Amino acid sequence: MKIFRVQLSLGAYITGQRLRGLDERQRQVFMTKLFDEAEAVFCVWDDPTQTVGIRYLLVKGSDEAAAVQGDYGQLHIGVVPCLDEKLALATKEIFGD
């Protein structure tokens, strides 16, 4: 599970870099495409109390994730950086299933 959290952290960093410098419309297009193309999407935020320093929330693909029983390597995954859990929950409300 620790490796998975590290992979999520890296994915959040990469997505964050791609979002930098985009205006609001471009961000909306990017996020819509990310959610449309991914089978599962996780929101990730910093939490220094956790072993790897992050927490995450599955915001899209709960049925798909259940089907692979935690072997997420079988899925096309998207990762979204968030400031905190509240933003992750809002992202789930807007984009999730």
N, C-alpha and C. Protein backbone atom coordinates (compact mmCIF):
# COMPACT_ATOMS: atom_id res chain seq x y z
N MET A 1 0.82 -1.20 0.00
CA MET A 1 0.00 0.00 0.00
C MET A 1 0.86 1.26 0.00
N LYS A 2 2.05 1.18 0.61
CA LYS A 2 2.93 2.34 0.65
C LYS A 2 3.36 2.73 -0.76
N ILE A 3 3.66 1.75 -1.61
CA ILE A 3 4.07 2.03 -2.99
C ILE A 3 2.93 2.72 -3.73
N PHE A 4 1.70 2.26 -3.51
CA PHE A 4 0.55 2.87 -4.15
C PHE A 4 0.42 4.34 -3.74
N ARG A 5 0.63 4.64 -2.47
CA ARG A 5 0.55 6.04 -2.01
C ARG A 5 1.65 6.89 -2.63
N VAL A 6 2.82 6.33 -2.79
CA VAL A 6 3.91 7.07 -3.45
C VAL A 6 3.54 7.33 -4.90
N GLN A 7 2.96 6.34 -5.57
CA GLN A 7 2.53 6.52 -6.96
C GLN A 7 1.44 7.58 -7.06
N LEU A 8 0.51 7.59 -6.11
CA LEU A 8 -0.52 8.63 -6.11
C LEU A 8 0.09 10.01 -5.91
N SER A 9 1.05 10.10 -5.00
CA SER A 9 1.72 11.37 -4.75
C SER A 9 2.41 11.89 -6.00
N LEU A 10 3.11 11.01 -6.69
CA LEU A 10 3.78 11.39 -7.94
C LEU A 10 2.75 11.80 -8.99
N GLY A 11 1.67 11.04 -9.11
CA GLY A 11 0.62 11.39 -10.06
C GLY A 11 0.01 12.74 -9.77
N ALA A 12 -0.21 13.05 -8.49
CA ALA A 12 -0.76 14.36 -8.11
C ALA A 12 0.21 15.47 -8.48
N TYR A 13 1.49 15.24 -8.27
CA TYR A 13 2.50 16.24 -8.63
C TYR A 13 2.48 16.49 -10.14
N ILE A 14 2.44 15.44 -10.93
CA ILE A 14 2.45 15.58 -12.39
C ILE A 14 1.20 16.32 -12.86
N THR A 15 0.04 15.94 -12.33
CA THR A 15 -1.19 16.64 -12.71
C THR A 15 -1.13 18.09 -12.30
N GLY A 16 -0.63 18.37 -11.11
CA GLY A 16 -0.48 19.75 -10.65
C GLY A 16 0.39 20.57 -11.58
N GLN A 17 1.48 19.98 -12.06
CA GLN A 17 2.36 20.68 -12.99
C GLN A 17 1.64 20.98 -14.31
N ARG A 18 0.83 20.06 -14.76
CA ARG A 18 0.07 20.26 -16.01
C ARG A 18 -0.99 21.34 -15.84
N LEU A 19 -1.54 21.48 -14.65
CA LEU A 19 -2.58 22.48 -14.41
C LEU A 19 -2.02 23.90 -14.24
N ARG A 20 -0.76 24.00 -13.87
CA ARG A 20 -0.15 25.32 -13.65
C ARG A 20 -0.19 26.15 -14.92
N GLY A 21 -0.58 27.39 -14.76
CA GLY A 21 -0.58 28.31 -15.89
C GLY A 21 -1.82 28.23 -16.77
N LEU A 22 -2.70 27.27 -16.50
CA LEU A 22 -3.92 27.18 -17.30
C LEU A 22 -4.95 28.16 -16.75
N ASP A 23 -5.70 28.77 -17.65
CA ASP A 23 -6.80 29.62 -17.17
C ASP A 23 -7.98 28.74 -16.77
N GLU A 24 -9.02 29.35 -16.25
CA GLU A 24 -10.16 28.59 -15.73
C GLU A 24 -10.80 27.69 -16.78
N ARG A 25 -10.99 28.19 -17.98
CA ARG A 25 -11.59 27.39 -19.05
C ARG A 25 -10.69 26.21 -19.41
N GLN A 26 -9.40 26.46 -19.53
CA GLN A 26 -8.46 25.39 -19.86
C GLN A 26 -8.42 24.33 -18.76
N ARG A 27 -8.50 24.77 -17.49
CA ARG A 27 -8.53 23.82 -16.37
C ARG A 27 -9.78 22.94 -16.43
N GLN A 28 -10.91 23.56 -16.76
CA GLN A 28 -12.16 22.81 -16.87
C GLN A 28 -12.05 21.75 -17.97
N VAL A 29 -11.50 22.13 -19.12
CA VAL A 29 -11.32 21.19 -20.22
C VAL A 29 -10.38 20.06 -19.80
N PHE A 30 -9.27 20.41 -19.15
CA PHE A 30 -8.30 19.41 -18.70
C PHE A 30 -8.95 18.42 -17.73
N MET A 31 -9.67 18.95 -16.73
CA MET A 31 -10.28 18.09 -15.72
C MET A 31 -11.37 17.20 -16.34
N THR A 32 -12.16 17.76 -17.22
CA THR A 32 -13.21 16.97 -17.87
C THR A 32 -12.59 15.83 -18.66
N LYS A 33 -11.52 16.11 -19.39
CA LYS A 33 -10.84 15.07 -20.17
C LYS A 33 -10.24 14.01 -19.24
N LEU A 34 -9.60 14.44 -18.15
CA LEU A 34 -9.01 13.50 -17.20
C LEU A 34 -10.08 12.55 -16.67
N PHE A 35 -11.22 13.09 -16.26
CA PHE A 35 -12.29 12.26 -15.71
C PHE A 35 -12.94 11.39 -16.78
N ASP A 36 -13.07 11.90 -17.99
CA ASP A 36 -13.66 11.11 -19.07
C ASP A 36 -12.79 9.92 -19.46
N GLU A 37 -11.47 10.12 -19.47
CA GLU A 37 -10.56 9.08 -19.96
C GLU A 37 -10.17 8.06 -18.89
N ALA A 38 -10.21 8.44 -17.64
CA ALA A 38 -9.79 7.54 -16.56
C ALA A 38 -10.93 6.62 -16.13
N GLU A 39 -10.58 5.40 -15.80
CA GLU A 39 -11.56 4.46 -15.24
C GLU A 39 -11.75 4.71 -13.75
N ALA A 40 -10.71 5.20 -13.11
CA ALA A 40 -10.76 5.53 -11.69
C ALA A 40 -9.95 6.81 -11.48
N VAL A 41 -10.44 7.68 -10.59
CA VAL A 41 -9.75 8.93 -10.29
C VAL A 41 -9.66 9.08 -8.77
N PHE A 42 -8.46 9.41 -8.31
CA PHE A 42 -8.20 9.67 -6.90
C PHE A 42 -7.85 11.13 -6.70
N CYS A 43 -8.39 11.72 -5.65
CA CYS A 43 -7.93 13.04 -5.19
C CYS A 43 -6.92 12.79 -4.08
N VAL A 44 -5.87 13.59 -4.07
CA VAL A 44 -4.76 13.42 -3.13
C VAL A 44 -4.46 14.75 -2.46
N TRP A 45 -4.25 14.73 -1.14
CA TRP A 45 -3.87 15.94 -0.43
C TRP A 45 -2.85 15.59 0.65
N ASP A 46 -2.09 16.62 1.03
CA ASP A 46 -1.05 16.43 2.04
C ASP A 46 -1.65 16.16 3.41
N ASP A 47 -1.03 15.25 4.13
CA ASP A 47 -1.39 14.97 5.51
C ASP A 47 -0.14 14.43 6.21
N PRO A 48 0.57 15.31 6.93
CA PRO A 48 1.82 14.91 7.57
C PRO A 48 1.66 13.83 8.64
N THR A 49 0.43 13.55 9.06
CA THR A 49 0.23 12.51 10.07
C THR A 49 0.25 11.11 9.46
N GLN A 50 0.19 11.02 8.14
CA GLN A 50 0.19 9.72 7.45
C GLN A 50 1.63 9.28 7.13
N THR A 51 1.83 7.99 7.00
CA THR A 51 3.16 7.43 6.78
C THR A 51 3.85 8.04 5.57
N VAL A 52 3.16 8.12 4.45
CA VAL A 52 3.75 8.66 3.23
C VAL A 52 3.46 10.16 3.09
N GLY A 53 2.69 10.72 4.01
CA GLY A 53 2.44 12.16 4.02
C GLY A 53 1.26 12.62 3.20
N ILE A 54 0.44 11.67 2.75
CA ILE A 54 -0.75 12.04 1.97
C ILE A 54 -1.96 11.23 2.43
N ARG A 55 -3.12 11.76 2.10
CA ARG A 55 -4.37 11.01 2.17
C ARG A 55 -4.98 11.05 0.78
N TYR A 56 -5.91 10.14 0.52
CA TYR A 56 -6.54 10.13 -0.80
C TYR A 56 -7.98 9.67 -0.70
N LEU A 57 -8.73 10.00 -1.75
CA LEU A 57 -10.13 9.63 -1.83
C LEU A 57 -10.42 9.19 -3.26
N LEU A 58 -11.02 8.03 -3.40
CA LEU A 58 -11.47 7.56 -4.71
C LEU A 58 -12.72 8.35 -5.06
N VAL A 59 -12.67 9.15 -6.12
CA VAL A 59 -13.80 10.01 -6.48
C VAL A 59 -14.53 9.54 -7.73
N LYS A 60 -13.93 8.65 -8.48
CA LYS A 60 -14.58 8.05 -9.65
C LYS A 60 -14.09 6.62 -9.77
N GLY A 61 -15.01 5.71 -10.13
CA GLY A 61 -14.61 4.35 -10.42
C GLY A 61 -14.71 3.37 -9.28
N SER A 62 -15.62 3.61 -8.35
CA SER A 62 -15.72 2.70 -7.21
C SER A 62 -16.08 1.28 -7.65
N ASP A 63 -16.95 1.16 -8.65
CA ASP A 63 -17.29 -0.18 -9.14
C ASP A 63 -16.09 -0.85 -9.80
N GLU A 64 -15.34 -0.07 -10.60
CA GLU A 64 -14.16 -0.61 -11.27
C GLU A 64 -13.10 -1.01 -10.26
N ALA A 65 -12.91 -0.16 -9.25
CA ALA A 65 -11.91 -0.46 -8.22
C ALA A 65 -12.28 -1.72 -7.44
N ALA A 66 -13.57 -1.88 -7.15
CA ALA A 66 -14.01 -3.08 -6.44
C ALA A 66 -13.78 -4.33 -7.29
N ALA A 67 -13.98 -4.18 -8.59
CA ALA A 67 -13.83 -5.33 -9.49
C ALA A 67 -12.39 -5.84 -9.54
N VAL A 68 -11.41 -4.93 -9.40
CA VAL A 68 -10.00 -5.37 -9.47
C VAL A 68 -9.43 -5.64 -8.07
N GLN A 69 -10.25 -5.47 -7.06
CA GLN A 69 -9.88 -5.78 -5.68
C GLN A 69 -8.55 -5.18 -5.25
N GLY A 70 -8.38 -3.90 -5.54
CA GLY A 70 -7.18 -3.19 -5.12
C GLY A 70 -5.99 -3.30 -6.04
N ASP A 71 -6.08 -4.10 -7.09
CA ASP A 71 -4.99 -4.21 -8.06
C ASP A 71 -5.19 -3.15 -9.13
N TYR A 72 -4.89 -1.90 -8.75
CA TYR A 72 -5.20 -0.75 -9.60
C TYR A 72 -4.35 -0.70 -10.87
N GLY A 73 -3.33 -1.52 -10.95
CA GLY A 73 -2.51 -1.58 -12.16
C GLY A 73 -3.31 -2.01 -13.37
N GLN A 74 -4.47 -2.60 -13.15
CA GLN A 74 -5.33 -3.03 -14.24
C GLN A 74 -6.20 -1.89 -14.79
N LEU A 75 -6.20 -0.73 -14.11
CA LEU A 75 -7.08 0.38 -14.49
C LEU A 75 -6.29 1.57 -15.01
N HIS A 76 -6.94 2.35 -15.87
CA HIS A 76 -6.41 3.66 -16.27
C HIS A 76 -6.82 4.62 -15.15
N ILE A 77 -5.83 5.13 -14.42
CA ILE A 77 -6.09 5.95 -13.23
C ILE A 77 -5.70 7.40 -13.48
N GLY A 78 -6.55 8.30 -13.01
CA GLY A 78 -6.24 9.73 -12.98
C GLY A 78 -6.04 10.15 -11.53
N VAL A 79 -5.17 11.13 -11.33
CA VAL A 79 -4.90 11.62 -9.98
C VAL A 79 -4.99 13.14 -9.99
N VAL A 80 -5.72 13.69 -9.01
CA VAL A 80 -5.94 15.13 -8.92
C VAL A 80 -5.40 15.62 -7.58
N PRO A 81 -4.52 16.62 -7.59
CA PRO A 81 -4.05 17.19 -6.33
C PRO A 81 -5.13 18.08 -5.73
N CYS A 82 -5.31 18.01 -4.42
CA CYS A 82 -6.28 18.85 -3.72
C CYS A 82 -5.60 19.48 -2.51
N LEU A 83 -6.14 20.59 -2.06
CA LEU A 83 -5.60 21.24 -0.87
C LEU A 83 -5.96 20.49 0.40
N ASP A 84 -7.16 19.90 0.41
CA ASP A 84 -7.62 19.21 1.61
C ASP A 84 -8.79 18.29 1.26
N GLU A 85 -9.31 17.63 2.28
CA GLU A 85 -10.40 16.68 2.08
C GLU A 85 -11.67 17.37 1.58
N LYS A 86 -11.93 18.59 2.05
CA LYS A 86 -13.12 19.31 1.60
C LYS A 86 -13.10 19.52 0.09
N LEU A 87 -11.95 19.89 -0.44
CA LEU A 87 -11.83 20.08 -1.88
C LEU A 87 -11.97 18.74 -2.62
N ALA A 88 -11.45 17.68 -2.04
CA ALA A 88 -11.59 16.35 -2.64
C ALA A 88 -13.07 15.96 -2.71
N LEU A 89 -13.80 16.22 -1.65
CA LEU A 89 -15.23 15.90 -1.64
C LEU A 89 -16.00 16.76 -2.64
N ALA A 90 -15.61 18.02 -2.78
CA ALA A 90 -16.25 18.89 -3.78
C ALA A 90 -15.94 18.41 -5.19
N THR A 91 -14.72 17.96 -5.42
CA THR A 91 -14.34 17.42 -6.72
C THR A 91 -15.17 16.18 -7.03
N LYS A 92 -15.37 15.34 -6.03
CA LYS A 92 -16.20 14.15 -6.22
C LYS A 92 -17.62 14.53 -6.57
N GLU A 93 -18.15 15.55 -5.91
CA GLU A 93 -19.50 16.01 -6.18
C GLU A 93 -19.65 16.53 -7.62
N ILE A 94 -18.64 17.23 -8.11
CA ILE A 94 -18.71 17.82 -9.45
C ILE A 94 -18.41 16.79 -10.55
N PHE A 95 -17.35 16.02 -10.39
CA PHE A 95 -16.87 15.16 -11.45
C PHE A 95 -17.09 13.67 -11.23
N GLY A 96 -17.30 13.27 -10.00
CA GLY A 96 -17.31 11.85 -9.67
C GLY A 96 -18.57 11.11 -10.07
N ASP A 97 -18.56 9.81 -9.77
CA ASP A 97 -19.75 8.99 -10.07
C ASP A 97 -20.46 8.57 -8.81
